[in-house]
Amino acid sequence: MKLIDIAILTNIKGLGSVNMIKILNYCKVQNINSIYELQNKDLSTIVSQKLVETIESYLSRDIDNLYRNMENIINSYKEDGVYCICINDDKYPKLLKESTNPPAILYYKGEIKLLSSKCVAIIGSREHSSMGDILTVKTTQFLIQNNFTIVSGLATGIDEIAHKSALQNNGKTIAVLPTIDTIYPTSNKKLAKDILNNGGLLISENKPNTKFNSGLLVKRDRIQSGLSKAVFTIESSLKGGSMHASNDAVKLGRGLYTPDIYKLSCEYQALNQVSGIKSLIDTNKSTPYSKNNYDAILKELNSTQQKDTLW
């Protein structure tokens, strides 16, 4: 299916990203290339009957009109500097396709080519410590020097430091947003502009004018890990939001790296901001790192192989 067909499907109430991928997989196997062809197909074997009825009702409308309206909407996005690619597009990042629950459409501003670069995520607590600041800067510098693109979530704290450090070291960075036209927090609007002005990228799975809610922040975590060859979690409490992307990285078989805090002071180890890091190390989910094993980490990152996907 083409972008416009998928975009039309995203307007169906109750059709979330998981079921969308099920339908697109079905269309791929059945060689269905448009919603005209999908109109009379029985989808009850892949989604609930209630959702089938909702889809059938939606597609019973004037499809030509749906196409016209969606084309106008996509053109209006472009006027605001927002573009979109679908999962069938060659520009869609291969690593994200391999992830669980990949977005059917990505909305973006900026340099789309960064999605095909070597991406690693640097994430962490909003309420970071002074040591967390230092560790983030050093980690970012190391990765930028080795030609990696820094992915983060534009939040205050570790995310903000990672983005800024990437720019200060003449590197490239990608900010994953809750919605493409929502900069959260608003205090980072200038940082978002700086990212774009320096060849960076803003992306989201949610279209312009999507109503913001805090749940979107949790959902975007999977995109940070999905885009990346590895995740570097600098600081996090046991219940911190960064643990979502960290655990996603483990499930996806991506590298998960955390500072080797057991080589740091006892006072630092006692902080709540690193309780999640200690847990990741203690359960062997993450690889502890310091400058002493940078070379080994670099070798692991450069040897990561991509899988074949249905797409």
C-alpha atoms as a PDB file:
ATOM      1  CA  MET A   1       0.000   0.000   0.000  1.00  0.00           C
ATOM      2  CA  LYS A   2       1.037   3.576  -0.634  1.00  0.00           C
ATOM      3  CA  LEU A   3       1.392   6.330   1.932  1.00  0.00           C
ATOM      4  CA  ILE A   4      -1.981   7.880   1.129  1.00  0.00           C
ATOM      5  CA  ASP A   5      -3.805   4.562   1.628  1.00  0.00           C
ATOM      6  CA  ILE A   6      -2.127   3.984   4.972  1.00  0.00           C
ATOM      7  CA  ALA A   7      -2.768   7.582   6.008  1.00  0.00           C
ATOM      8  CA  ILE A   8      -6.469   7.105   5.317  1.00  0.00           C
ATOM      9  CA  LEU A   9      -6.507   3.982   7.470  1.00  0.00           C
ATOM     10  CA  THR A  10      -4.905   5.891  10.368  1.00  0.00           C
ATOM     11  CA  ASN A  11      -8.055   8.015  10.539  1.00  0.00           C
ATOM     12  CA  ILE A  12     -10.157   4.999  11.531  1.00  0.00           C
ATOM     13  CA  LYS A  13     -11.043   5.339  15.199  1.00  0.00           C
ATOM     14  CA  GLY A  14      -9.841   2.381  17.238  1.00  0.00           C
ATOM     15  CA  LEU A  15      -7.303   1.181  14.678  1.00  0.00           C
ATOM     16  CA  GLY A  16      -4.067   1.395  16.639  1.00  0.00           C
ATOM     17  CA  SER A  17      -0.523   0.716  15.511  1.00  0.00           C
ATOM     18  CA  VAL A  18      -0.533  -2.990  16.438  1.00  0.00           C
ATOM     19  CA  ASN A  19      -3.644  -3.805  14.412  1.00  0.00           C
ATOM     20  CA  MET A  20      -2.486  -1.511  11.620  1.00  0.00           C
ATOM     21  CA  ILE A  21       0.654  -3.617  11.188  1.00  0.00           C
ATOM     22  CA  LYS A  22      -1.468  -6.789  11.181  1.00  0.00           C
ATOM     23  CA  ILE A  23      -3.574  -5.363   8.371  1.00  0.00           C
ATOM     24  CA  LEU A  24      -0.544  -4.186   6.400  1.00  0.00           C
ATOM     25  CA  ASN A  25       1.072  -7.605   6.746  1.00  0.00           C
ATOM     26  CA  TYR A  26      -2.158  -9.139   5.463  1.00  0.00           C
ATOM     27  CA  CYS A  27      -2.200  -6.735   2.512  1.00  0.00           C
ATOM     28  CA  LYS A  28       1.413  -7.589   1.731  1.00  0.00           C
ATOM     29  CA  VAL A  29       0.708 -11.317   1.657  1.00  0.00           C
ATOM     30  CA  GLN A  30      -2.548 -10.907  -0.296  1.00  0.00           C
ATOM     31  CA  ASN A  31      -1.001  -8.399  -2.718  1.00  0.00           C
ATOM     32  CA  ILE A  32      -3.562  -5.739  -1.795  1.00  0.00           C
ATOM     33  CA  ASN A  33      -2.284  -2.351  -2.923  1.00  0.00           C
ATOM     34  CA  SER A  34      -5.087   0.095  -2.123  1.00  0.00           C
ATOM     35  CA  ILE A  35      -8.069   0.606   0.123  1.00  0.00           C
ATOM     36  CA  TYR A  36     -10.263  -0.006  -2.944  1.00  0.00           C
ATOM     37  CA  GLU A  37      -9.026  -3.593  -2.889  1.00  0.00           C
ATOM     38  CA  LEU A  38      -9.288  -3.827   0.897  1.00  0.00           C
ATOM     39  CA  GLN A  39     -12.889  -2.639   0.848  1.00  0.00           C
ATOM     40  CA  ASN A  40     -14.493  -6.065   0.468  1.00  0.00           C
ATOM     41  CA  LYS A  41     -11.939  -8.232   2.292  1.00  0.00           C
ATOM     42  CA  ASP A  42     -12.810 -10.201   5.402  1.00  0.00           C
ATOM     43  CA  LEU A  43     -10.402  -9.102   8.133  1.00  0.00           C
ATOM     44  CA  SER A  44     -12.057 -11.064  10.946  1.00  0.00           C
ATOM     45  CA  THR A  45      -9.184 -13.581  11.071  1.00  0.00           C
ATOM     46  CA  ILE A  46      -6.652 -10.896  12.044  1.00  0.00           C
ATOM     47  CA  VAL A  47      -8.558  -8.285  14.084  1.00  0.00           C
ATOM     48  CA  SER A  48     -11.635  -8.280  16.322  1.00  0.00           C
ATOM     49  CA  GLN A  49     -15.123  -8.371  14.859  1.00  0.00           C
ATOM     50  CA  LYS A  50     -15.881  -5.000  16.415  1.00  0.00           C
ATOM     51  CA  LEU A  51     -12.910  -3.451  14.642  1.00  0.00           C
ATOM     52  CA  VAL A  52     -13.860  -5.192  11.399  1.00  0.00           C
ATOM     53  CA  GLU A  53     -17.263  -3.535  11.550  1.00  0.00           C
ATOM     54  CA  THR A  54     -15.663  -0.147  12.241  1.00  0.00           C
ATOM     55  CA  ILE A  55     -13.313  -0.545   9.260  1.00  0.00           C
ATOM     56  CA  GLU A  56     -16.101  -1.723   6.967  1.00  0.00           C
ATOM     57  CA  SER A  57     -18.252   1.236   7.980  1.00  0.00           C
ATOM     58  CA  TYR A  58     -15.424   3.671   7.316  1.00  0.00           C
ATOM     59  CA  LEU A  59     -14.564   2.178   3.928  1.00  0.00           C
ATOM     60  CA  SER A  60     -18.199   2.218   2.855  1.00  0.00           C
ATOM     61  CA  ARG A  61     -17.845   5.968   2.345  1.00  0.00           C
ATOM     62  CA  ASP A  62     -16.958   7.643  -0.930  1.00  0.00           C
ATOM     63  CA  ILE A  63     -13.356   6.426  -1.276  1.00  0.00           C
ATOM     64  CA  ASP A  64     -12.543   8.907  -4.027  1.00  0.00           C
ATOM     65  CA  ASN A  65     -13.462  11.651  -1.594  1.00  0.00           C
ATOM     66  CA  LEU A  66     -11.324  10.066   1.134  1.00  0.00           C
ATOM     67  CA  TYR A  67      -8.359  10.169  -1.247  1.00  0.00           C
ATOM     68  CA  ARG A  68      -8.963  13.805  -2.166  1.00  0.00           C
ATOM     69  CA  ASN A  69      -9.291  14.866   1.455  1.00  0.00           C
ATOM     70  CA  MET A  70      -6.161  13.000   2.525  1.00  0.00           C
ATOM     71  CA  GLU A  71      -4.138  14.421  -0.346  1.00  0.00           C
ATOM     72  CA  ASN A  72      -5.162  17.912   0.769  1.00  0.00           C
ATOM     73  CA  ILE A  73      -4.212  17.107   4.367  1.00  0.00           C
ATOM     74  CA  ILE A  74      -0.765  15.802   3.411  1.00  0.00           C
ATOM     75  CA  ASN A  75      -0.166  18.893   1.279  1.00  0.00           C
ATOM     76  CA  SER A  76      -1.157  21.114   4.194  1.00  0.00           C
ATOM     77  CA  TYR A  77       1.426  19.324   6.364  1.00  0.00           C
ATOM     78  CA  LYS A  78       4.104  20.129   3.788  1.00  0.00           C
ATOM     79  CA  GLU A  79       3.202  23.809   3.923  1.00  0.00           C
ATOM     80  CA  ASP A  80       4.103  23.668   7.635  1.00  0.00           C
ATOM     81  CA  GLY A  81       7.359  21.832   6.953  1.00  0.00           C
ATOM     82  CA  VAL A  82       6.037  18.433   8.028  1.00  0.00           C
ATOM     83  CA  TYR A  83       6.555  15.400   5.800  1.00  0.00           C
ATOM     84  CA  CYS A  84       5.734  11.742   6.232  1.00  0.00           C
ATOM     85  CA  ILE A  85       6.940   8.315   5.172  1.00  0.00           C
ATOM     86  CA  CYS A  86       5.180   4.978   5.560  1.00  0.00           C
ATOM     87  CA  ILE A  87       6.565   1.603   6.518  1.00  0.00           C
ATOM     88  CA  ASN A  88       6.566   0.524   2.856  1.00  0.00           C
ATOM     89  CA  ASP A  89       8.880   3.393   1.911  1.00  0.00           C
ATOM     90  CA  ASP A  90      12.561   2.698   1.170  1.00  0.00           C
ATOM     91  CA  LYS A  91      13.456   5.610   3.455  1.00  0.00           C
ATOM     92  CA  TYR A  92      11.757   3.988   6.447  1.00  0.00           C
ATOM     93  CA  PRO A  93      14.499   2.889   8.896  1.00  0.00           C
ATOM     94  CA  LYS A  94      15.237  -0.832   8.658  1.00  0.00           C
ATOM     95  CA  LEU A  95      15.981  -1.231  12.346  1.00  0.00           C
ATOM     96  CA  LEU A  96      12.608   0.221  13.270  1.00  0.00           C
ATOM     97  CA  LYS A  97      10.882  -2.238  10.923  1.00  0.00           C
ATOM     98  CA  GLU A  98      12.496  -5.051  12.902  1.00  0.00           C
ATOM     99  CA  SER A  99      11.132  -3.748  16.194  1.00  0.00           C
ATOM    100  CA  THR A 100       7.915  -4.731  17.900  1.00  0.00           C
ATOM    101  CA  ASN A 101       4.965  -2.519  17.041  1.00  0.00           C
ATOM    102  CA  PRO A 102       6.653  -0.210  14.505  1.00  0.00           C
ATOM    103  CA  PRO A 103       4.645   2.890  13.516  1.00  0.00           C
ATOM    104  CA  ALA A 104       2.937   2.579  10.132  1.00  0.00           C
ATOM    105  CA  ILE A 105       3.756   6.235   9.404  1.00  0.00           C
ATOM    106  CA  LEU A 106       6.511   8.527  10.631  1.00  0.00           C
ATOM    107  CA  TYR A 107       5.981  12.291  10.537  1.00  0.00           C
ATOM    108  CA  TYR A 108       9.126  14.369  10.399  1.00  0.00           C
ATOM    109  CA  LYS A 109      10.840  17.703  10.059  1.00  0.00           C
ATOM    110  CA  GLY A 110      14.452  17.971   8.962  1.00  0.00           C
ATOM    111  CA  GLU A 111      17.021  15.641   7.449  1.00  0.00           C
ATOM    112  CA  ILE A 112      15.335  12.319   6.678  1.00  0.00           C
ATOM    113  CA  LYS A 113      18.641  10.724   5.609  1.00  0.00           C
ATOM    114  CA  LEU A 114      19.622  10.477   9.281  1.00  0.00           C
ATOM    115  CA  LEU A 115      17.199   7.559   9.639  1.00  0.00           C
ATOM    116  CA  SER A 116      19.586   5.453   7.572  1.00  0.00           C
ATOM    117  CA  SER A 117      22.675   6.500   9.551  1.00  0.00           C
ATOM    118  CA  LYS A 118      24.242   4.663  12.498  1.00  0.00           C
ATOM    119  CA  CYS A 119      21.822   5.564  15.295  1.00  0.00           C
ATOM    120  CA  VAL A 120      22.309   5.036  19.015  1.00  0.00           C
ATOM    121  CA  ALA A 121      20.014   6.284  21.763  1.00  0.00           C
ATOM    122  CA  ILE A 122      21.189   8.182  24.825  1.00  0.00           C
ATOM    123  CA  ILE A 123      18.464   8.476  27.432  1.00  0.00           C
ATOM    124  CA  GLY A 124      18.024   9.020  31.140  1.00  0.00           C
ATOM    125  CA  SER A 125      16.405  10.743  34.042  1.00  0.00           C
ATOM    126  CA  ARG A 126      14.876  14.197  33.858  1.00  0.00           C
ATOM    127  CA  GLU A 127      16.080  14.818  37.421  1.00  0.00           C
ATOM    128  CA  HIS A 128      19.688  14.007  36.692  1.00  0.00           C
ATOM    129  CA  SER A 129      22.695  14.408  38.949  1.00  0.00           C
ATOM    130  CA  SER A 130      25.846  16.409  38.246  1.00  0.00           C
ATOM    131  CA  MET A 131      27.663  13.133  37.588  1.00  0.00           C
ATOM    132  CA  GLY A 132      24.916  12.173  35.139  1.00  0.00           C
ATOM    133  CA  ASP A 133      25.629  15.403  33.275  1.00  0.00           C
ATOM    134  CA  ILE A 134      29.330  14.525  33.006  1.00  0.00           C
ATOM    135  CA  LEU A 135      28.665  10.924  31.945  1.00  0.00           C
ATOM    136  CA  THR A 136      26.189  12.042  29.259  1.00  0.00           C
ATOM    137  CA  VAL A 137      28.626  14.533  27.753  1.00  0.00           C
ATOM    138  CA  LYS A 138      31.504  12.033  27.706  1.00  0.00           C
ATOM    139  CA  THR A 139      29.320   9.281  26.206  1.00  0.00           C
ATOM    140  CA  THR A 140      27.952  11.599  23.541  1.00  0.00           C
ATOM    141  CA  GLN A 141      31.416  12.840  22.616  1.00  0.00           C
ATOM    142  CA  PHE A 142      32.699   9.274  22.228  1.00  0.00           C
ATOM    143  CA  LEU A 143      29.790   8.271  19.987  1.00  0.00           C
ATOM    144  CA  ILE A 144      29.868  11.433  17.859  1.00  0.00           C
ATOM    145  CA  GLN A 145      33.614  11.024  17.332  1.00  0.00           C
ATOM    146  CA  ASN A 146      32.855   7.575  15.925  1.00  0.00           C
ATOM    147  CA  ASN A 147      30.208   8.847  13.504  1.00  0.00           C
ATOM    148  CA  PHE A 148      27.061   7.772  15.339  1.00  0.00           C
ATOM    149  CA  THR A 149      23.829   9.764  15.236  1.00  0.00           C
ATOM    150  CA  ILE A 150      22.400  10.483  18.691  1.00  0.00           C
ATOM    151  CA  VAL A 151      18.734   9.607  19.266  1.00  0.00           C
ATOM    152  CA  SER A 152      16.891  10.945  22.302  1.00  0.00           C
ATOM    153  CA  GLY A 153      13.543  12.300  23.414  1.00  0.00           C
ATOM    154  CA  LEU A 154      14.089  16.076  23.844  1.00  0.00           C
ATOM    155  CA  ALA A 155      13.058  15.846  27.505  1.00  0.00           C
ATOM    156  CA  THR A 156      14.752  17.882  30.201  1.00  0.00           C
ATOM    157  CA  GLY A 157      17.716  16.274  31.915  1.00  0.00           C
ATOM    158  CA  ILE A 158      19.801  13.594  30.207  1.00  0.00           C
ATOM    159  CA  ASP A 159      17.962  13.828  26.858  1.00  0.00           C
ATOM    160  CA  GLU A 160      18.527  17.561  26.625  1.00  0.00           C
ATOM    161  CA  ILE A 161      22.212  17.224  27.535  1.00  0.00           C
ATOM    162  CA  ALA A 162      22.710  14.502  24.908  1.00  0.00           C
ATOM    163  CA  HIS A 163      21.137  16.593  22.129  1.00  0.00           C
ATOM    164  CA  LYS A 164      23.102  19.700  23.102  1.00  0.00           C
ATOM    165  CA  SER A 165      26.361  17.804  23.418  1.00  0.00           C
ATOM    166  CA  ALA A 166      25.842  16.249  19.985  1.00  0.00           C
ATOM    167  CA  LEU A 167      25.408  19.692  18.452  1.00  0.00           C
ATOM    168  CA  GLN A 168      28.356  21.163  20.353  1.00  0.00           C
ATOM    169  CA  ASN A 169      30.552  18.367  18.975  1.00  0.00           C
ATOM    170  CA  ASN A 170      29.376  18.961  15.389  1.00  0.00           C
ATOM    171  CA  GLY A 171      27.351  15.754  15.395  1.00  0.00           C
ATOM    172  CA  LYS A 172      23.878  14.876  14.207  1.00  0.00           C
ATOM    173  CA  THR A 173      20.929  14.147  16.439  1.00  0.00           C
ATOM    174  CA  ILE A 174      17.345  12.902  16.149  1.00  0.00           C
ATOM    175  CA  ALA A 175      14.635  13.954  18.609  1.00  0.00           C
ATOM    176  CA  VAL A 176      11.657  11.608  18.998  1.00  0.00           C
ATOM    177  CA  LEU A 177       8.583  13.671  19.890  1.00  0.00           C
ATOM    178  CA  PRO A 178       5.167  12.749  21.354  1.00  0.00           C
ATOM    179  CA  THR A 179       3.572  14.521  18.369  1.00  0.00           C
ATOM    180  CA  ILE A 180       5.368  16.186  15.481  1.00  0.00           C
ATOM    181  CA  ASP A 181       4.070  19.642  16.357  1.00  0.00           C
ATOM    182  CA  THR A 182       4.388  19.355  20.150  1.00  0.00           C
ATOM    183  CA  ILE A 183       7.715  20.317  21.719  1.00  0.00           C
ATOM    184  CA  TYR A 184       7.580  18.936  25.244  1.00  0.00           C
ATOM    185  CA  PRO A 185       8.665  20.565  27.425  1.00  0.00           C
ATOM    186  CA  THR A 186       8.100  23.961  25.804  1.00  0.00           C
ATOM    187  CA  SER A 187      11.396  25.148  27.312  1.00  0.00           C
ATOM    188  CA  ASN A 188      13.151  23.041  24.662  1.00  0.00           C
ATOM    189  CA  LYS A 189      11.599  24.798  21.655  1.00  0.00           C
ATOM    190  CA  LYS A 190      14.884  26.580  20.980  1.00  0.00           C
ATOM    191  CA  LEU A 191      16.770  23.280  21.202  1.00  0.00           C
ATOM    192  CA  ALA A 192      14.380  21.734  18.664  1.00  0.00           C
ATOM    193  CA  LYS A 193      15.036  24.667  16.326  1.00  0.00           C
ATOM    194  CA  ASP A 194      18.795  24.307  16.838  1.00  0.00           C
ATOM    195  CA  ILE A 195      18.569  20.613  15.943  1.00  0.00           C
ATOM    196  CA  LEU A 196      16.832  21.453  12.660  1.00  0.00           C
ATOM    197  CA  ASN A 197      19.188  24.328  11.866  1.00  0.00           C
ATOM    198  CA  ASN A 198      22.169  22.002  12.261  1.00  0.00           C
ATOM    199  CA  GLY A 199      21.000  19.223   9.948  1.00  0.00           C
ATOM    200  CA  GLY A 200      19.134  17.205  12.551  1.00  0.00           C
ATOM    201  CA  LEU A 201      15.726  15.544  12.556  1.00  0.00           C
ATOM    202  CA  LEU A 202      12.483  15.685  14.547  1.00  0.00           C
ATOM    203  CA  ILE A 203      10.189  12.657  14.220  1.00  0.00           C
ATOM    204  CA  SER A 204       6.948  11.323  15.677  1.00  0.00           C
ATOM    205  CA  GLU A 205       4.435   8.602  14.986  1.00  0.00           C
ATOM    206  CA  ASN A 206       1.649  11.095  15.644  1.00  0.00           C
ATOM    207  CA  LYS A 207       0.371  13.516  13.033  1.00  0.00           C
ATOM    208  CA  PRO A 208       0.013  17.283  13.454  1.00  0.00           C
ATOM    209  CA  ASN A 209      -2.856  18.435  15.689  1.00  0.00           C
ATOM    210  CA  THR A 210      -2.854  15.190  17.703  1.00  0.00           C
ATOM    211  CA  LYS A 211      -3.975  16.046  21.228  1.00  0.00           C
ATOM    212  CA  PHE A 212      -1.033  15.701  23.608  1.00  0.00           C
ATOM    213  CA  ASN A 213      -1.250  13.414  26.637  1.00  0.00           C
ATOM    214  CA  SER A 214       1.423  11.925  28.889  1.00  0.00           C
ATOM    215  CA  GLY A 215       0.784   8.420  27.546  1.00  0.00           C
ATOM    216  CA  LEU A 216       2.340   9.497  24.251  1.00  0.00           C
ATOM    217  CA  LEU A 217       5.648   9.998  26.057  1.00  0.00           C
ATOM    218  CA  VAL A 218       5.690   6.339  27.085  1.00  0.00           C
ATOM    219  CA  LYS A 219       4.745   5.159  23.591  1.00  0.00           C
ATOM    220  CA  ARG A 220       7.550   7.128  21.962  1.00  0.00           C
ATOM    221  CA  ASP A 221      10.136   5.294  24.105  1.00  0.00           C
ATOM    222  CA  ARG A 222       9.828   2.197  21.910  1.00  0.00           C
ATOM    223  CA  ILE A 223      10.717   4.313  18.866  1.00  0.00           C
ATOM    224  CA  GLN A 224      13.932   5.506  20.501  1.00  0.00           C
ATOM    225  CA  SER A 225      15.076   1.930  21.086  1.00  0.00           C
ATOM    226  CA  GLY A 226      13.592   0.714  17.797  1.00  0.00           C
ATOM    227  CA  LEU A 227      15.602   3.198  15.742  1.00  0.00           C
ATOM    228  CA  SER A 228      18.870   2.429  17.471  1.00  0.00           C
ATOM    229  CA  LYS A 229      21.628  -0.137  17.220  1.00  0.00           C
ATOM    230  CA  ALA A 230      22.045   0.287  20.965  1.00  0.00           C
ATOM    231  CA  VAL A 231      20.686   2.227  23.921  1.00  0.00           C
ATOM    232  CA  PHE A 232      22.901   4.020  26.431  1.00  0.00           C
ATOM    233  CA  THR A 233      20.913   4.613  29.614  1.00  0.00           C
ATOM    234  CA  ILE A 234      22.831   7.091  31.742  1.00  0.00           C
ATOM    235  CA  GLU A 235      20.610   7.429  34.801  1.00  0.00           C
ATOM    236  CA  SER A 236      17.187   6.105  35.798  1.00  0.00           C
ATOM    237  CA  SER A 237      15.273   5.245  38.920  1.00  0.00           C
ATOM    238  CA  LEU A 238      13.661   1.824  39.126  1.00  0.00           C
ATOM    239  CA  LYS A 239      10.349   3.290  37.958  1.00  0.00           C
ATOM    240  CA  GLY A 240      11.820   5.888  35.616  1.00  0.00           C
ATOM    241  CA  GLY A 241      10.506   6.285  32.090  1.00  0.00           C
ATOM    242  CA  SER A 242      13.908   5.401  30.635  1.00  0.00           C
ATOM    243  CA  MET A 243      13.442   1.845  31.843  1.00  0.00           C
ATOM    244  CA  HIS A 244      10.813   1.363  29.092  1.00  0.00           C
ATOM    245  CA  ALA A 245      13.288   1.986  26.283  1.00  0.00           C
ATOM    246  CA  SER A 246      15.977   0.040  28.170  1.00  0.00           C
ATOM    247  CA  ASN A 247      13.811  -3.046  28.480  1.00  0.00           C
ATOM    248  CA  ASP A 248      12.686  -2.670  24.860  1.00  0.00           C
ATOM    249  CA  ALA A 249      16.332  -2.746  23.795  1.00  0.00           C
ATOM    250  CA  VAL A 250      16.807  -6.021  25.657  1.00  0.00           C
ATOM    251  CA  LYS A 251      13.697  -7.562  24.066  1.00  0.00           C
ATOM    252  CA  LEU A 252      14.864  -6.503  20.610  1.00  0.00           C
ATOM    253  CA  GLY A 253      18.321  -7.929  21.134  1.00  0.00           C
ATOM    254  CA  ARG A 254      19.905  -4.498  20.767  1.00  0.00           C
ATOM    255  CA  GLY A 255      22.869  -3.464  22.844  1.00  0.00           C
ATOM    256  CA  LEU A 256      22.068  -1.936  26.221  1.00  0.00           C
ATOM    257  CA  TYR A 257      24.870  -0.043  27.926  1.00  0.00           C
ATOM    258  CA  THR A 258      24.954   1.667  31.300  1.00  0.00           C
ATOM    259  CA  PRO A 259      27.761   3.517  33.088  1.00  0.00           C
ATOM    260  CA  ASP A 260      29.818   1.262  35.335  1.00  0.00           C
ATOM    261  CA  ILE A 261      28.547   2.948  38.459  1.00  0.00           C
ATOM    262  CA  TYR A 262      30.205   0.388  40.748  1.00  0.00           C
ATOM    263  CA  LYS A 263      33.496   2.057  39.829  1.00  0.00           C
ATOM    264  CA  LEU A 264      32.146   5.392  41.025  1.00  0.00           C
ATOM    265  CA  SER A 265      31.678   6.744  44.545  1.00  0.00           C
ATOM    266  CA  CYS A 266      29.441   5.064  47.126  1.00  0.00           C
ATOM    267  CA  GLU A 267      27.559   8.361  47.451  1.00  0.00           C
ATOM    268  CA  TYR A 268      26.706   8.266  43.748  1.00  0.00           C
ATOM    269  CA  GLN A 269      25.685   4.616  43.892  1.00  0.00           C
ATOM    270  CA  ALA A 270      23.209   5.469  46.669  1.00  0.00           C
ATOM    271  CA  LEU A 271      21.297   8.010  44.578  1.00  0.00           C
ATOM    272  CA  ASN A 272      17.741   7.172  43.510  1.00  0.00           C
ATOM    273  CA  GLN A 273      18.640   8.321  39.980  1.00  0.00           C
ATOM    274  CA  VAL A 274      20.852   5.249  39.545  1.00  0.00           C
ATOM    275  CA  SER A 275      18.694   2.603  41.243  1.00  0.00           C
ATOM    276  CA  GLY A 276      17.419   1.480  37.841  1.00  0.00           C
ATOM    277  CA  ILE A 277      20.957   1.362  36.459  1.00  0.00           C
ATOM    278  CA  LYS A 278      22.055  -0.875  39.330  1.00  0.00           C
ATOM    279  CA  SER A 279      19.129  -3.175  38.602  1.00  0.00           C
ATOM    280  CA  LEU A 280      20.006  -3.428  34.898  1.00  0.00           C
ATOM    281  CA  ILE A 281      23.625  -4.283  35.742  1.00  0.00           C
ATOM    282  CA  ASP A 282      22.757  -6.704  38.558  1.00  0.00           C
ATOM    283  CA  THR A 283      20.348  -8.662  36.333  1.00  0.00           C
ATOM    284  CA  ASN A 284      22.891  -8.771  33.472  1.00  0.00           C
ATOM    285  CA  LYS A 285      20.555  -6.872  31.166  1.00  0.00           C
ATOM    286  CA  SER A 286      23.095  -4.170  30.448  1.00  0.00           C
ATOM    287  CA  THR A 287      26.818  -3.993  29.735  1.00  0.00           C
ATOM    288  CA  PRO A 288      28.559  -1.625  32.161  1.00  0.00           C
ATOM    289  CA  TYR A 289      30.955   0.730  30.418  1.00  0.00           C
ATOM    290  CA  SER A 290      33.713   3.197  31.136  1.00  0.00           C
ATOM    291  CA  LYS A 291      36.529   4.640  29.059  1.00  0.00           C
ATOM    292  CA  ASN A 292      38.397   1.372  29.682  1.00  0.00           C
ATOM    293  CA  ASN A 293      36.094  -0.656  27.414  1.00  0.00           C
ATOM    294  CA  TYR A 294      35.165   1.940  24.790  1.00  0.00           C
ATOM    295  CA  ASP A 295      37.081  -0.009  22.135  1.00  0.00           C
ATOM    296  CA  ALA A 296      35.167  -3.224  22.877  1.00  0.00           C
ATOM    297  CA  ILE A 297      31.832  -1.380  22.754  1.00  0.00           C
ATOM    298  CA  LEU A 298      32.748   0.253  19.464  1.00  0.00           C
ATOM    299  CA  LYS A 299      33.573  -3.151  17.997  1.00  0.00           C
ATOM    300  CA  GLU A 300      30.206  -4.529  19.168  1.00  0.00           C
ATOM    301  CA  LEU A 301      28.302  -1.574  17.725  1.00  0.00           C
ATOM    302  CA  ASN A 302      29.999  -1.814  14.349  1.00  0.00           C
ATOM    303  CA  SER A 303      29.437  -5.561  14.113  1.00  0.00           C
ATOM    304  CA  THR A 304      25.662  -5.407  14.684  1.00  0.00           C
ATOM    305  CA  GLN A 305      23.850  -7.207  11.873  1.00  0.00           C
ATOM    306  CA  GLN A 306      20.354  -6.368  10.624  1.00  0.00           C
ATOM    307  CA  LYS A 307      17.705  -9.020  10.158  1.00  0.00           C
ATOM    308  CA  ASP A 308      15.578  -9.686   7.131  1.00  0.00           C
ATOM    309  CA  THR A 309      12.012  -8.392   7.466  1.00  0.00           C
ATOM    310  CA  LEU A 310       8.701  -9.010   5.723  1.00  0.00           C
ATOM    311  CA  TRP A 311       8.873  -5.475   4.405  1.00  0.00           C
END
